[in-house]
C-alpha atoms as a PDB file:
ATOM      1  CA  MET A   1      -0.167  -0.034   0.095  1.00  0.00           C
ATOM      2  CA  SER A   2       3.015   2.556   0.890  1.00  0.00           C
ATOM      3  CA  SER A   3       4.242   2.358  -2.419  1.00  0.00           C
ATOM      4  CA  ASN A   4       1.257   4.209  -3.994  1.00  0.00           C
ATOM      5  CA  LEU A   5       1.662   7.219  -1.379  1.00  0.00           C
ATOM      6  CA  PRO A   6       3.274  10.170  -3.057  1.00  0.00           C
ATOM      7  CA  SER A   7       6.723  11.000  -2.521  1.00  0.00           C
ATOM      8  CA  TYR A   8       5.809  14.364  -0.779  1.00  0.00           C
ATOM      9  CA  LEU A   9       3.303  12.930   1.630  1.00  0.00           C
ATOM     10  CA  THR A  10       4.134  12.078   5.106  1.00  0.00           C
ATOM     11  CA  ILE A  11       1.941  10.232   7.354  1.00  0.00           C
ATOM     12  CA  SER A  12       3.488  11.793  10.683  1.00  0.00           C
ATOM     13  CA  THR A  13       3.315  10.893  14.602  1.00  0.00           C
ATOM     14  CA  GLU A  14       5.682  13.733  15.286  1.00  0.00           C
ATOM     15  CA  ILE A  15       4.694  16.637  13.260  1.00  0.00           C
ATOM     16  CA  ASN A  16       7.025  19.046  14.572  1.00  0.00           C
ATOM     17  CA  SER A  17      10.078  16.833  13.733  1.00  0.00           C
ATOM     18  CA  ASP A  18       9.080  16.332  10.182  1.00  0.00           C
ATOM     19  CA  LEU A  19       7.941  20.000   9.731  1.00  0.00           C
ATOM     20  CA  SER A  20      11.590  20.985  10.684  1.00  0.00           C
ATOM     21  CA  LYS A  21      13.143  18.432   8.759  1.00  0.00           C
ATOM     22  CA  ALA A  22      11.574  19.898   5.322  1.00  0.00           C
ATOM     23  CA  ILE A  23      11.934  23.281   6.298  1.00  0.00           C
ATOM     24  CA  GLU A  24      15.953  22.705   7.051  1.00  0.00           C
ATOM     25  CA  THR A  25      16.040  21.049   3.925  1.00  0.00           C
ATOM     26  CA  LEU A  26      14.486  23.920   1.935  1.00  0.00           C
ATOM     27  CA  ASN A  27      16.379  26.463   3.791  1.00  0.00           C
ATOM     28  CA  PRO A  28      14.022  29.287   3.016  1.00  0.00           C
ATOM     29  CA  ASP A  29      14.474  33.108   3.926  1.00  0.00           C
ATOM     30  CA  LYS A  30      11.268  33.691   5.293  1.00  0.00           C
ATOM     31  CA  ILE A  31       8.731  31.436   6.939  1.00  0.00           C
ATOM     32  CA  VAL A  32       5.029  32.338   6.577  1.00  0.00           C
ATOM     33  CA  VAL A  33       1.951  30.219   7.640  1.00  0.00           C
ATOM     34  CA  LEU A  34      -1.676  30.508   6.627  1.00  0.00           C
ATOM     35  CA  VAL A  35      -4.244  30.031   8.802  1.00  0.00           C
ATOM     36  CA  ASP A  36      -7.979  30.857   9.753  1.00  0.00           C
ATOM     37  CA  GLU A  37      -9.438  31.727  12.473  1.00  0.00           C
ATOM     38  CA  ASN A  38     -10.236  28.193  13.473  1.00  0.00           C
ATOM     39  CA  THR A  39      -6.911  26.646  12.684  1.00  0.00           C
ATOM     40  CA  LYS A  40      -5.267  29.556  14.345  1.00  0.00           C
ATOM     41  CA  LYS A  41      -6.657  28.896  17.581  1.00  0.00           C
ATOM     42  CA  TYR A  42      -6.860  24.997  17.659  1.00  0.00           C
ATOM     43  CA  CYS A  43      -4.077  24.268  15.405  1.00  0.00           C
ATOM     44  CA  PHE A  44      -1.290  26.645  15.154  1.00  0.00           C
ATOM     45  CA  PRO A  45      -0.408  26.317  18.803  1.00  0.00           C
ATOM     46  CA  HIS A  46       0.574  22.554  18.318  1.00  0.00           C
ATOM     47  CA  LEU A  47       3.450  24.177  15.684  1.00  0.00           C
ATOM     48  CA  HIS A  48       6.519  24.454  17.433  1.00  0.00           C
ATOM     49  CA  VAL A  49       8.724  26.041  14.749  1.00  0.00           C
ATOM     50  CA  SER A  50       9.803  29.263  14.359  1.00  0.00           C
ATOM     51  CA  VAL A  51       7.727  31.240  11.701  1.00  0.00           C
ATOM     52  CA  ASP A  52       8.213  35.457  10.598  1.00  0.00           C
ATOM     53  CA  ALA A  53       4.721  36.020  10.036  1.00  0.00           C
ATOM     54  CA  GLN A  54       0.968  34.836   9.982  1.00  0.00           C
ATOM     55  CA  ILE A  55      -1.851  35.424   7.441  1.00  0.00           C
ATOM     56  CA  GLU A  56      -5.249  35.213   8.628  1.00  0.00           C
ATOM     57  CA  ILE A  57      -7.943  34.722   6.798  1.00  0.00           C
ATOM     58  CA  GLN A  58     -11.599  33.860   7.124  1.00  0.00           C
ATOM     59  CA  SER A  59     -13.036  30.116   7.039  1.00  0.00           C
ATOM     60  CA  GLY A  60     -15.658  29.226   4.505  1.00  0.00           C
ATOM     61  CA  GLU A  61     -15.733  28.151   0.929  1.00  0.00           C
ATOM     62  CA  GLN A  62     -17.042  31.477   0.388  1.00  0.00           C
ATOM     63  CA  TYR A  63     -14.117  33.039   0.743  1.00  0.00           C
ATOM     64  CA  LYS A  64     -12.113  30.821  -1.749  1.00  0.00           C
ATOM     65  CA  THR A  65     -11.895  33.409  -4.067  1.00  0.00           C
ATOM     66  CA  LEU A  66      -9.600  35.571  -5.909  1.00  0.00           C
ATOM     67  CA  GLU A  67     -10.485  38.328  -3.608  1.00  0.00           C
ATOM     68  CA  THR A  68      -9.050  36.459  -0.913  1.00  0.00           C
ATOM     69  CA  CYS A  69      -5.543  35.610  -3.119  1.00  0.00           C
ATOM     70  CA  ILE A  70      -5.159  39.133  -3.517  1.00  0.00           C
ATOM     71  CA  LYS A  71      -5.059  39.702   0.319  1.00  0.00           C
ATOM     72  CA  ILE A  72      -2.475  36.885   0.738  1.00  0.00           C
ATOM     73  CA  TRP A  73      -0.724  38.301  -1.978  1.00  0.00           C
ATOM     74  CA  THR A  74      -0.497  41.646  -0.710  1.00  0.00           C
ATOM     75  CA  GLN A  75       0.744  40.424   2.883  1.00  0.00           C
ATOM     76  CA  LEU A  76       3.318  38.514   1.043  1.00  0.00           C
ATOM     77  CA  THR A  77       4.667  41.175  -0.526  1.00  0.00           C
ATOM     78  CA  ALA A  78       4.311  43.713   2.539  1.00  0.00           C
ATOM     79  CA  ILE A  79       6.520  40.942   4.605  1.00  0.00           C
ATOM     80  CA  GLY A  80       9.100  40.836   2.076  1.00  0.00           C
ATOM     81  CA  CYS A  81       8.641  37.179   0.767  1.00  0.00           C
ATOM     82  CA  SER A  82      10.594  35.981  -2.115  1.00  0.00           C
ATOM     83  CA  ARG A  83      10.640  32.792  -4.447  1.00  0.00           C
ATOM     84  CA  LYS A  84      12.922  31.079  -2.010  1.00  0.00           C
ATOM     85  CA  SER A  85      10.521  32.181   1.032  1.00  0.00           C
ATOM     86  CA  LEU A  86       7.884  29.119   2.031  1.00  0.00           C
ATOM     87  CA  LEU A  87       4.330  29.101   3.163  1.00  0.00           C
ATOM     88  CA  ILE A  88       2.942  26.822   5.299  1.00  0.00           C
ATOM     89  CA  ASN A  89      -0.873  26.260   4.765  1.00  0.00           C
ATOM     90  CA  LEU A  90      -2.563  25.337   7.759  1.00  0.00           C
ATOM     91  CA  GLY A  91      -5.981  24.106   7.631  1.00  0.00           C
ATOM     92  CA  GLY A  92      -8.505  22.230   5.565  1.00  0.00           C
ATOM     93  CA  GLY A  93      -9.419  22.096   1.590  1.00  0.00           C
ATOM     94  CA  VAL A  94      -9.779  25.868   1.244  1.00  0.00           C
ATOM     95  CA  ILE A  95      -6.436  27.343   2.572  1.00  0.00           C
ATOM     96  CA  GLY A  96      -4.692  24.299   1.239  1.00  0.00           C
ATOM     97  CA  ASP A  97      -6.434  25.037  -2.644  1.00  0.00           C
ATOM     98  CA  MET A  98      -6.256  28.629  -1.883  1.00  0.00           C
ATOM     99  CA  GLY A  99      -3.140  28.638  -0.007  1.00  0.00           C
ATOM    100  CA  GLY A 100      -1.263  26.232  -2.669  1.00  0.00           C
ATOM    101  CA  PHE A 101      -2.734  28.550  -5.547  1.00  0.00           C
ATOM    102  CA  ALA A 102      -1.467  31.859  -4.184  1.00  0.00           C
ATOM    103  CA  ALA A 103       1.885  30.351  -3.542  1.00  0.00           C
ATOM    104  CA  SER A 104       2.105  29.067  -7.016  1.00  0.00           C
ATOM    105  CA  THR A 105       1.478  32.160  -8.798  1.00  0.00           C
ATOM    106  CA  TYR A 106       3.380  34.610  -6.477  1.00  0.00           C
ATOM    107  CA  LYS A 107       6.424  35.771  -8.167  1.00  0.00           C
ATOM    108  CA  ARG A 108       5.762  32.561 -10.268  1.00  0.00           C
ATOM    109  CA  GLY A 109       6.112  30.694  -7.708  1.00  0.00           C
ATOM    110  CA  MET A 110       7.351  29.888  -4.297  1.00  0.00           C
ATOM    111  CA  PRO A 111       7.288  26.384  -2.450  1.00  0.00           C
ATOM    112  CA  PHE A 112       4.744  25.673  -0.089  1.00  0.00           C
ATOM    113  CA  ILE A 113       3.747  22.980   2.527  1.00  0.00           C
ATOM    114  CA  ASN A 114       0.674  21.857   3.187  1.00  0.00           C
ATOM    115  CA  ILE A 115      -0.241  20.468   6.511  1.00  0.00           C
ATOM    116  CA  PRO A 116      -3.825  19.239   6.389  1.00  0.00           C
ATOM    117  CA  THR A 117      -6.278  19.408   9.537  1.00  0.00           C
ATOM    118  CA  THR A 118      -9.428  18.363   8.457  1.00  0.00           C
ATOM    119  CA  LEU A 119     -10.402  14.456   7.292  1.00  0.00           C
ATOM    120  CA  LEU A 120     -11.489  16.019   4.032  1.00  0.00           C
ATOM    121  CA  SER A 121      -8.152  17.642   2.984  1.00  0.00           C
ATOM    122  CA  GLN A 122      -5.871  15.000   4.523  1.00  0.00           C
ATOM    123  CA  VAL A 123      -7.799  12.197   2.129  1.00  0.00           C
ATOM    124  CA  ASP A 124      -8.444  14.372  -0.841  1.00  0.00           C
ATOM    125  CA  ALA A 125      -7.341  17.920  -1.420  1.00  0.00           C
ATOM    126  CA  SER A 126      -3.748  17.006   0.242  1.00  0.00           C
ATOM    127  CA  ILE A 127      -3.124  14.268  -3.110  1.00  0.00           C
ATOM    128  CA  GLY A 128      -2.975  15.046  -6.801  1.00  0.00           C
ATOM    129  CA  GLY A 129      -1.914  18.766  -6.834  1.00  0.00           C
ATOM    130  CA  LYS A 130      -5.048  20.671  -7.442  1.00  0.00           C
ATOM    131  CA  LEU A 131      -5.090  23.920  -6.767  1.00  0.00           C
ATOM    132  CA  GLY A 132      -7.635  27.075  -7.336  1.00  0.00           C
ATOM    133  CA  VAL A 133     -10.283  29.282  -6.209  1.00  0.00           C
ATOM    134  CA  ASP A 134     -13.833  29.573  -6.908  1.00  0.00           C
ATOM    135  CA  PHE A 135     -15.028  32.174  -9.483  1.00  0.00           C
ATOM    136  CA  GLU A 136     -18.199  33.857 -10.157  1.00  0.00           C
ATOM    137  CA  GLY A 137     -20.039  31.066  -8.051  1.00  0.00           C
ATOM    138  CA  LEU A 138     -18.113  28.097 -10.216  1.00  0.00           C
ATOM    139  CA  LYS A 139     -16.507  25.669  -7.995  1.00  0.00           C
ATOM    140  CA  ASN A 140     -12.696  25.748  -8.570  1.00  0.00           C
ATOM    141  CA  HIS A 141     -13.069  27.574 -11.910  1.00  0.00           C
ATOM    142  CA  ILE A 142      -9.534  28.967 -11.741  1.00  0.00           C
ATOM    143  CA  GLY A 143      -6.751  26.907 -10.725  1.00  0.00           C
ATOM    144  CA  VAL A 144      -3.295  25.031 -11.644  1.00  0.00           C
ATOM    145  CA  PHE A 145      -1.775  22.073 -11.205  1.00  0.00           C
ATOM    146  CA  GLN A 146       0.978  22.234  -8.467  1.00  0.00           C
ATOM    147  CA  ASN A 147       2.295  19.866  -5.951  1.00  0.00           C
ATOM    148  CA  PRO A 148       3.559  21.132  -2.818  1.00  0.00           C
ATOM    149  CA  VAL A 149       7.131  20.602  -1.385  1.00  0.00           C
ATOM    150  CA  CYS A 150       5.599  18.025   1.200  1.00  0.00           C
ATOM    151  CA  VAL A 151       2.428  17.251   2.376  1.00  0.00           C
ATOM    152  CA  ILE A 152       2.283  16.312   6.364  1.00  0.00           C
ATOM    153  CA  ILE A 153      -0.635  14.832   7.729  1.00  0.00           C
ATOM    154  CA  ASN A 154      -1.104  13.837  11.546  1.00  0.00           C
ATOM    155  CA  THR A 155      -4.890  12.574  12.496  1.00  0.00           C
ATOM    156  CA  ALA A 156      -4.172  14.206  15.795  1.00  0.00           C
ATOM    157  CA  PHE A 157      -5.807  16.981  14.279  1.00  0.00           C
ATOM    158  CA  LEU A 158      -8.995  15.175  13.644  1.00  0.00           C
ATOM    159  CA  LYS A 159      -9.772  15.821  17.421  1.00  0.00           C
ATOM    160  CA  THR A 160     -10.708  19.256  17.185  1.00  0.00           C
ATOM    161  CA  LEU A 161     -13.424  18.380  14.664  1.00  0.00           C
ATOM    162  CA  PRO A 162     -17.082  18.488  14.905  1.00  0.00           C
ATOM    163  CA  GLU A 163     -18.808  15.382  14.007  1.00  0.00           C
ATOM    164  CA  ARG A 164     -20.098  17.000  10.815  1.00  0.00           C
ATOM    165  CA  GLU A 165     -16.698  18.020   9.335  1.00  0.00           C
ATOM    166  CA  LEU A 166     -15.488  14.463   9.809  1.00  0.00           C
ATOM    167  CA  LYS A 167     -18.661  13.325   7.923  1.00  0.00           C
ATOM    168  CA  SER A 168     -18.023  15.751   5.239  1.00  0.00           C
ATOM    169  CA  GLY A 169     -14.354  14.324   4.918  1.00  0.00           C
ATOM    170  CA  PHE A 170     -15.922  10.627   5.248  1.00  0.00           C
ATOM    171  CA  ALA A 171     -17.795  11.202   1.696  1.00  0.00           C
ATOM    172  CA  GLU A 172     -14.773  11.186  -0.182  1.00  0.00           C
ATOM    173  CA  ILE A 173     -13.348   8.161   1.466  1.00  0.00           C
ATOM    174  CA  ILE A 174     -16.854   6.360   0.760  1.00  0.00           C
ATOM    175  CA  LYS A 175     -15.881   7.721  -2.875  1.00  0.00           C
ATOM    176  CA  HIS A 176     -12.535   6.386  -3.385  1.00  0.00           C
ATOM    177  CA  ALA A 177     -13.677   2.589  -2.087  1.00  0.00           C
ATOM    178  CA  LEU A 178     -16.536   2.650  -4.530  1.00  0.00           C
ATOM    179  CA  ILE A 179     -14.606   3.496  -7.689  1.00  0.00           C
ATOM    180  CA  ARG A 180     -11.359   1.468  -7.252  1.00  0.00           C
ATOM    181  CA  ASP A 181     -11.579  -0.986  -4.250  1.00  0.00           C
ATOM    182  CA  ALA A 182     -14.682  -3.503  -3.238  1.00  0.00           C
ATOM    183  CA  GLU A 183     -12.590  -4.817  -0.651  1.00  0.00           C
ATOM    184  CA  GLN A 184     -12.588  -1.407   1.021  1.00  0.00           C
ATOM    185  CA  TRP A 185     -16.347  -0.867   0.348  1.00  0.00           C
ATOM    186  CA  GLU A 186     -16.883  -3.900   2.396  1.00  0.00           C
ATOM    187  CA  TYR A 187     -15.158  -2.618   5.639  1.00  0.00           C
ATOM    188  CA  LEU A 188     -17.070   0.511   5.268  1.00  0.00           C
ATOM    189  CA  ASN A 189     -20.500  -1.150   5.014  1.00  0.00           C
ATOM    190  CA  ARG A 190     -19.683  -3.479   7.831  1.00  0.00           C
ATOM    191  CA  HIS A 191     -18.480  -0.687  10.332  1.00  0.00           C
ATOM    192  CA  SER A 192     -20.822   1.970  11.649  1.00  0.00           C
ATOM    193  CA  PHE A 193     -19.265   5.612  11.230  1.00  0.00           C
ATOM    194  CA  GLU A 194     -18.516   5.942  14.996  1.00  0.00           C
ATOM    195  CA  LYS A 195     -16.264   2.700  14.650  1.00  0.00           C
ATOM    196  CA  ILE A 196     -14.010   3.779  11.942  1.00  0.00           C
ATOM    197  CA  ASN A 197     -10.164   3.497  12.981  1.00  0.00           C
ATOM    198  CA  TRP A 198      -8.928   6.538  11.024  1.00  0.00           C
ATOM    199  CA  ASN A 199      -5.236   5.604  11.402  1.00  0.00           C
ATOM    200  CA  GLU A 200      -6.510   2.595   9.500  1.00  0.00           C
ATOM    201  CA  ILE A 201      -8.666   3.942   7.130  1.00  0.00           C
ATOM    202  CA  ILE A 202      -6.533   7.264   5.665  1.00  0.00           C
ATOM    203  CA  PRO A 203      -3.419   5.756   4.499  1.00  0.00           C
ATOM    204  CA  LYS A 204      -5.507   3.256   2.273  1.00  0.00           C
ATOM    205  CA  SER A 205      -8.067   6.068   1.116  1.00  0.00           C
ATOM    206  CA  ILE A 206      -4.817   7.906   0.137  1.00  0.00           C
ATOM    207  CA  SER A 207      -3.193   5.388  -1.382  1.00  0.00           C
ATOM    208  CA  ILE A 208      -6.267   4.612  -3.486  1.00  0.00           C
ATOM    209  CA  LYS A 209      -6.572   8.142  -4.894  1.00  0.00           C
ATOM    210  CA  SER A 210      -2.685   8.104  -5.346  1.00  0.00           C
ATOM    211  CA  LYS A 211      -2.588   5.278  -7.811  1.00  0.00           C
ATOM    212  CA  VAL A 212      -5.391   7.024  -9.774  1.00  0.00           C
ATOM    213  CA  VAL A 213      -3.565  10.073  -9.949  1.00  0.00           C
ATOM    214  CA  GLN A 214       0.052   8.538 -10.975  1.00  0.00           C
ATOM    215  CA  GLU A 215      -1.584   6.725 -13.703  1.00  0.00           C
ATOM    216  CA  ASP A 216      -3.333  10.210 -14.814  1.00  0.00           C
ATOM    217  CA  PRO A 217      -1.566  13.315 -13.500  1.00  0.00           C
ATOM    218  CA  PHE A 218      -3.250  15.730 -15.277  1.00  0.00           C
ATOM    219  CA  GLU A 219      -6.903  14.258 -15.453  1.00  0.00           C
ATOM    220  CA  ALA A 220      -6.627  13.425 -19.363  1.00  0.00           C
ATOM    221  CA  ASP A 221      -8.486   9.801 -18.960  1.00  0.00           C
ATOM    222  CA  ALA A 222      -8.691   7.685 -16.152  1.00  0.00           C
ATOM    223  CA  ARG A 223      -8.340  10.420 -13.117  1.00  0.00           C
ATOM    224  CA  LYS A 224     -11.976  11.783 -14.082  1.00  0.00           C
ATOM    225  CA  ILE A 225     -12.977   8.805 -11.957  1.00  0.00           C
ATOM    226  CA  LEU A 226     -12.266  10.846  -9.218  1.00  0.00           C
ATOM    227  CA  ASN A 227     -15.122  13.289 -10.237  1.00  0.00           C
ATOM    228  CA  TYR A 228     -17.565  10.592  -9.301  1.00  0.00           C
ATOM    229  CA  GLY A 229     -20.399  12.108  -7.178  1.00  0.00           C
ATOM    230  CA  HIS A 230     -18.890  15.275  -8.410  1.00  0.00           C
ATOM    231  CA  THR A 231     -20.810  16.581 -11.145  1.00  0.00           C
ATOM    232  CA  ILE A 232     -23.948  17.199  -9.283  1.00  0.00           C
ATOM    233  CA  GLY A 233     -22.302  17.344  -6.386  1.00  0.00           C
ATOM    234  CA  HIS A 234     -20.408  20.535  -7.222  1.00  0.00           C
ATOM    235  CA  ALA A 235     -23.325  22.027  -8.928  1.00  0.00           C
ATOM    236  CA  LEU A 236     -25.390  21.571  -5.265  1.00  0.00           C
ATOM    237  CA  GLU A 237     -22.363  22.872  -3.270  1.00  0.00           C
ATOM    238  CA  SER A 238     -22.388  26.107  -5.633  1.00  0.00           C
ATOM    239  CA  HIS A 239     -26.354  26.138  -5.678  1.00  0.00           C
ATOM    240  CA  PHE A 240     -26.964  26.237  -1.942  1.00  0.00           C
ATOM    241  CA  LEU A 241     -23.281  28.155  -1.145  1.00  0.00           C
ATOM    242  CA  ASN A 242     -24.650  31.678  -0.253  1.00  0.00           C
ATOM    243  CA  SER A 243     -28.001  30.235   0.809  1.00  0.00           C
ATOM    244  CA  ASP A 244     -29.218  30.118   4.468  1.00  0.00           C
ATOM    245  CA  THR A 245     -28.447  26.249   4.653  1.00  0.00           C
ATOM    246  CA  PRO A 246     -25.040  25.936   2.621  1.00  0.00           C
ATOM    247  CA  LEU A 247     -23.837  22.294   2.493  1.00  0.00           C
ATOM    248  CA  LEU A 248     -20.355  21.534   3.441  1.00  0.00           C
ATOM    249  CA  HIS A 249     -18.279  19.692  -0.061  1.00  0.00           C
ATOM    250  CA  GLY A 250     -18.637  16.416   1.331  1.00  0.00           C
ATOM    251  CA  GLU A 251     -22.225  16.613   2.205  1.00  0.00           C
ATOM    252  CA  ALA A 252     -22.415  17.979  -1.698  1.00  0.00           C
ATOM    253  CA  ILE A 253     -20.962  14.908  -2.473  1.00  0.00           C
ATOM    254  CA  ALA A 254     -23.046  12.522  -0.729  1.00  0.00           C
ATOM    255  CA  LEU A 255     -26.084  13.892  -2.557  1.00  0.00           C
ATOM    256  CA  GLY A 256     -24.175  13.855  -5.766  1.00  0.00           C
ATOM    257  CA  MET A 257     -23.269   9.745  -5.302  1.00  0.00           C
ATOM    258  CA  ILE A 258     -26.742   9.371  -4.464  1.00  0.00           C
ATOM    259  CA  LEU A 259     -28.094  10.899  -7.522  1.00  0.00           C
ATOM    260  CA  GLU A 260     -25.713   9.784  -9.922  1.00  0.00           C
ATOM    261  CA  ASN A 261     -26.177   6.206  -8.847  1.00  0.00           C
ATOM    262  CA  GLU A 262     -29.900   6.601  -9.973  1.00  0.00           C
ATOM    263  CA  ILE A 263     -28.561   7.814 -13.299  1.00  0.00           C
ATOM    264  CA  ALA A 264     -26.343   5.049 -13.535  1.00  0.00           C
ATOM    265  CA  ALA A 265     -28.924   2.508 -12.683  1.00  0.00           C
ATOM    266  CA  THR A 266     -31.403   4.578 -15.144  1.00  0.00           C
ATOM    267  CA  VAL A 267     -28.841   4.132 -18.134  1.00  0.00           C
ATOM    268  CA  GLY A 268     -28.223   0.471 -17.264  1.00  0.00           C
ATOM    269  CA  LEU A 269     -24.778   0.712 -16.194  1.00  0.00           C
ATOM    270  CA  LEU A 270     -25.147  -0.329 -12.544  1.00  0.00           C
ATOM    271  CA  SER A 271     -27.644  -2.679 -11.149  1.00  0.00           C
ATOM    272  CA  GLN A 272     -30.509  -1.167  -9.431  1.00  0.00           C
ATOM    273  CA  GLY A 273     -29.331  -3.739  -6.489  1.00  0.00           C
ATOM    274  CA  GLU A 274     -25.725  -2.045  -5.907  1.00  0.00           C
ATOM    275  CA  SER A 275     -27.516   1.240  -6.608  1.00  0.00           C
ATOM    276  CA  ALA A 276     -30.047   0.887  -3.393  1.00  0.00           C
ATOM    277  CA  GLU A 277     -27.192  -0.789  -1.125  1.00  0.00           C
ATOM    278  CA  ILE A 278     -24.509   2.092  -1.607  1.00  0.00           C
ATOM    279  CA  ASN A 279     -27.405   5.075  -1.495  1.00  0.00           C
ATOM    280  CA  GLU A 280     -28.892   3.082   1.686  1.00  0.00           C
ATOM    281  CA  PHE A 281     -25.470   3.561   3.171  1.00  0.00           C
ATOM    282  CA  ILE A 282     -24.931   7.192   2.677  1.00  0.00           C
ATOM    283  CA  ARG A 283     -28.153   7.896   3.932  1.00  0.00           C
ATOM    284  CA  SER A 284     -27.586   6.031   7.234  1.00  0.00           C
ATOM    285  CA  VAL A 285     -24.555   8.520   7.276  1.00  0.00           C
ATOM    286  CA  TYR A 286     -25.704  11.682   6.224  1.00  0.00           C
ATOM    287  CA  ASN A 287     -28.590  13.837   7.173  1.00  0.00           C
ATOM    288  CA  LEU A 288     -29.894  15.121   3.886  1.00  0.00           C
ATOM    289  CA  ASN A 289     -33.706  16.353   4.768  1.00  0.00           C
ATOM    290  CA  LEU A 290     -33.536  19.625   2.288  1.00  0.00           C
ATOM    291  CA  GLN A 291     -35.473  20.543  -0.771  1.00  0.00           C
ATOM    292  CA  LEU A 292     -33.384  20.068  -3.721  1.00  0.00           C
ATOM    293  CA  PRO A 293     -33.398  21.997  -6.703  1.00  0.00           C
ATOM    294  CA  ASN A 294     -34.840  20.826  -9.922  1.00  0.00           C
ATOM    295  CA  TYR A 295     -32.318  20.240 -12.926  1.00  0.00           C
ATOM    296  CA  GLU A 296     -33.363  23.720 -14.512  1.00  0.00           C
ATOM    297  CA  MET A 297     -32.023  25.392 -11.133  1.00  0.00           C
ATOM    298  CA  LEU A 298     -28.691  23.334 -11.714  1.00  0.00           C
ATOM    299  CA  ARG A 299     -28.279  23.452 -15.096  1.00  0.00           C
ATOM    300  CA  SER A 300     -26.072  26.612 -15.561  1.00  0.00           C
ATOM    301  CA  HIS A 301     -23.836  25.071 -12.866  1.00  0.00           C
ATOM    302  CA  LEU A 302     -23.693  21.787 -14.598  1.00  0.00           C
ATOM    303  CA  LEU A 303     -22.707  23.171 -17.842  1.00  0.00           C
ATOM    304  CA  GLN A 304     -19.668  24.539 -16.360  1.00  0.00           C
ATOM    305  CA  ASP A 305     -18.382  21.007 -15.656  1.00  0.00           C
ATOM    306  CA  LYS A 306     -14.818  20.961 -16.525  1.00  0.00           C
ATOM    307  CA  LYS A 307     -15.537  16.925 -18.194  1.00  0.00           C
ATOM    308  CA  ASN A 308     -17.999  18.594 -20.423  1.00  0.00           C
ATOM    309  CA  ASP A 309     -17.257  18.977 -24.127  1.00  0.00           C
ATOM    310  CA  ALA A 310     -19.228  20.432 -27.036  1.00  0.00           C
ATOM    311  CA  GLN A 311     -21.724  17.102 -27.123  1.00  0.00           C
ATOM    312  CA  GLY A 312     -22.901  17.923 -23.526  1.00  0.00           C
ATOM    313  CA  ILE A 313     -22.722  16.781 -19.898  1.00  0.00           C
ATOM    314  CA  ARG A 314     -20.349  14.062 -19.075  1.00  0.00           C
ATOM    315  CA  PHE A 315     -20.228  11.997 -15.808  1.00  0.00           C
ATOM    316  CA  SER A 316     -18.283   9.582 -14.142  1.00  0.00           C
ATOM    317  CA  LEU A 317     -20.468   6.888 -13.124  1.00  0.00           C
ATOM    318  CA  LEU A 318     -20.370   3.802 -11.228  1.00  0.00           C
ATOM    319  CA  LYS A 319     -20.289   0.066 -13.386  1.00  0.00           C
ATOM    320  CA  LYS A 320     -20.188  -1.793 -10.384  1.00  0.00           C
ATOM    321  CA  ILE A 321     -19.057  -1.406  -6.485  1.00  0.00           C
ATOM    322  CA  GLY A 322     -15.391  -0.965  -6.785  1.00  0.00           C
ATOM    323  CA  ALA A 323     -15.612   0.179 -10.901  1.00  0.00           C
ATOM    324  CA  CYS A 324     -16.315   3.433 -12.454  1.00  0.00           C
ATOM    325  CA  ALA A 325     -16.863   4.474 -15.929  1.00  0.00           C
ATOM    326  CA  HIS A 326     -15.629   8.451 -17.036  1.00  0.00           C
ATOM    327  CA  ASP A 327     -16.820  10.392 -19.970  1.00  0.00           C
ATOM    328  CA  VAL A 328     -20.551   9.277 -19.769  1.00  0.00           C
ATOM    329  CA  LEU A 329     -22.896  11.450 -21.718  1.00  0.00           C
ATOM    330  CA  VAL A 330     -25.701  11.472 -20.205  1.00  0.00           C
ATOM    331  CA  GLU A 331     -29.024  13.157 -22.328  1.00  0.00           C
ATOM    332  CA  GLU A 332     -30.690  16.155 -20.468  1.00  0.00           C
ATOM    333  CA  THR A 333     -33.990  13.969 -20.396  1.00  0.00           C
ATOM    334  CA  VAL A 334     -32.484  11.526 -17.655  1.00  0.00           C
ATOM    335  CA  LEU A 335     -31.100  14.172 -15.881  1.00  0.00           C
ATOM    336  CA  LYS A 336     -34.888  15.972 -15.772  1.00  0.00           C
ATOM    337  CA  ASN A 337     -36.108  12.801 -14.499  1.00  0.00           C
ATOM    338  CA  ILE A 338     -33.636  12.568 -11.724  1.00  0.00           C
ATOM    339  CA  LEU A 339     -33.789  16.056 -10.632  1.00  0.00           C
ATOM    340  CA  LYS A 340     -37.405  16.570 -10.343  1.00  0.00           C
END
């Protein structure tokens, strides 16, 4: 399993020792840490390394914008950072995605280290080098591919998270199992959420995603299976972003997987039995009782999905538990029936 982990990733039990080694190797002229109000309070005190400055941004997907990047770039400039300086991104997926993007574009690129502090960022955003921000209400619309110098994962940070945040990250663990590892799915299906051993399951989930990324680093082909649940999931996340009931990323993806399983069963890719088995499990974990928008309300978001082409909206859909097809063209009539 460990052979599938990216070379830049460390699953750490001694975070300060591992971080110090990485800093020593880089020998940066300045060290800046990017935090939000939560990681500043709950996570930064656990880092016992000397930094030159701290940049604080507001937490939440609604702040994952170019406007926030401008604030980061402005402060990096005021601090006097060079291309030999180091940015440490301490936080969840928003911090990692946006901090990495800001670092990769500052002076055409300064090194950065990601220390993911949420389950979602540890099993998903930390692997694959996808960086970016939302734009005009569209999820991850502006971005680049760039790997960090290193990613240091420590499960102790998960103790700072409420259950809702843990469940948000768990959606990506479910996804990884369903697209590539039937044995992992059986493990998840046999254990209640409360009984999951994170130290066991996180490396396995990372390994699944990492292997897919190694096969297709720039998402030209097979890596698209990692978008299972995300075509509708991202549209739902964008739709609810500025509402009174915004969805966490994993909650949107959980809904996306349920609806995309229904699509896969409708078009004859996935059996009705497996679709029902998966959807029953997902509903047992998540409280998904909300009024869903219909197809017309989501259409503008769906049409902006990065997998699409001139022929229409393309999905990554399960063929069976442990196997996923990509670039599946789905007729709008099918989508209207599912999203009604």
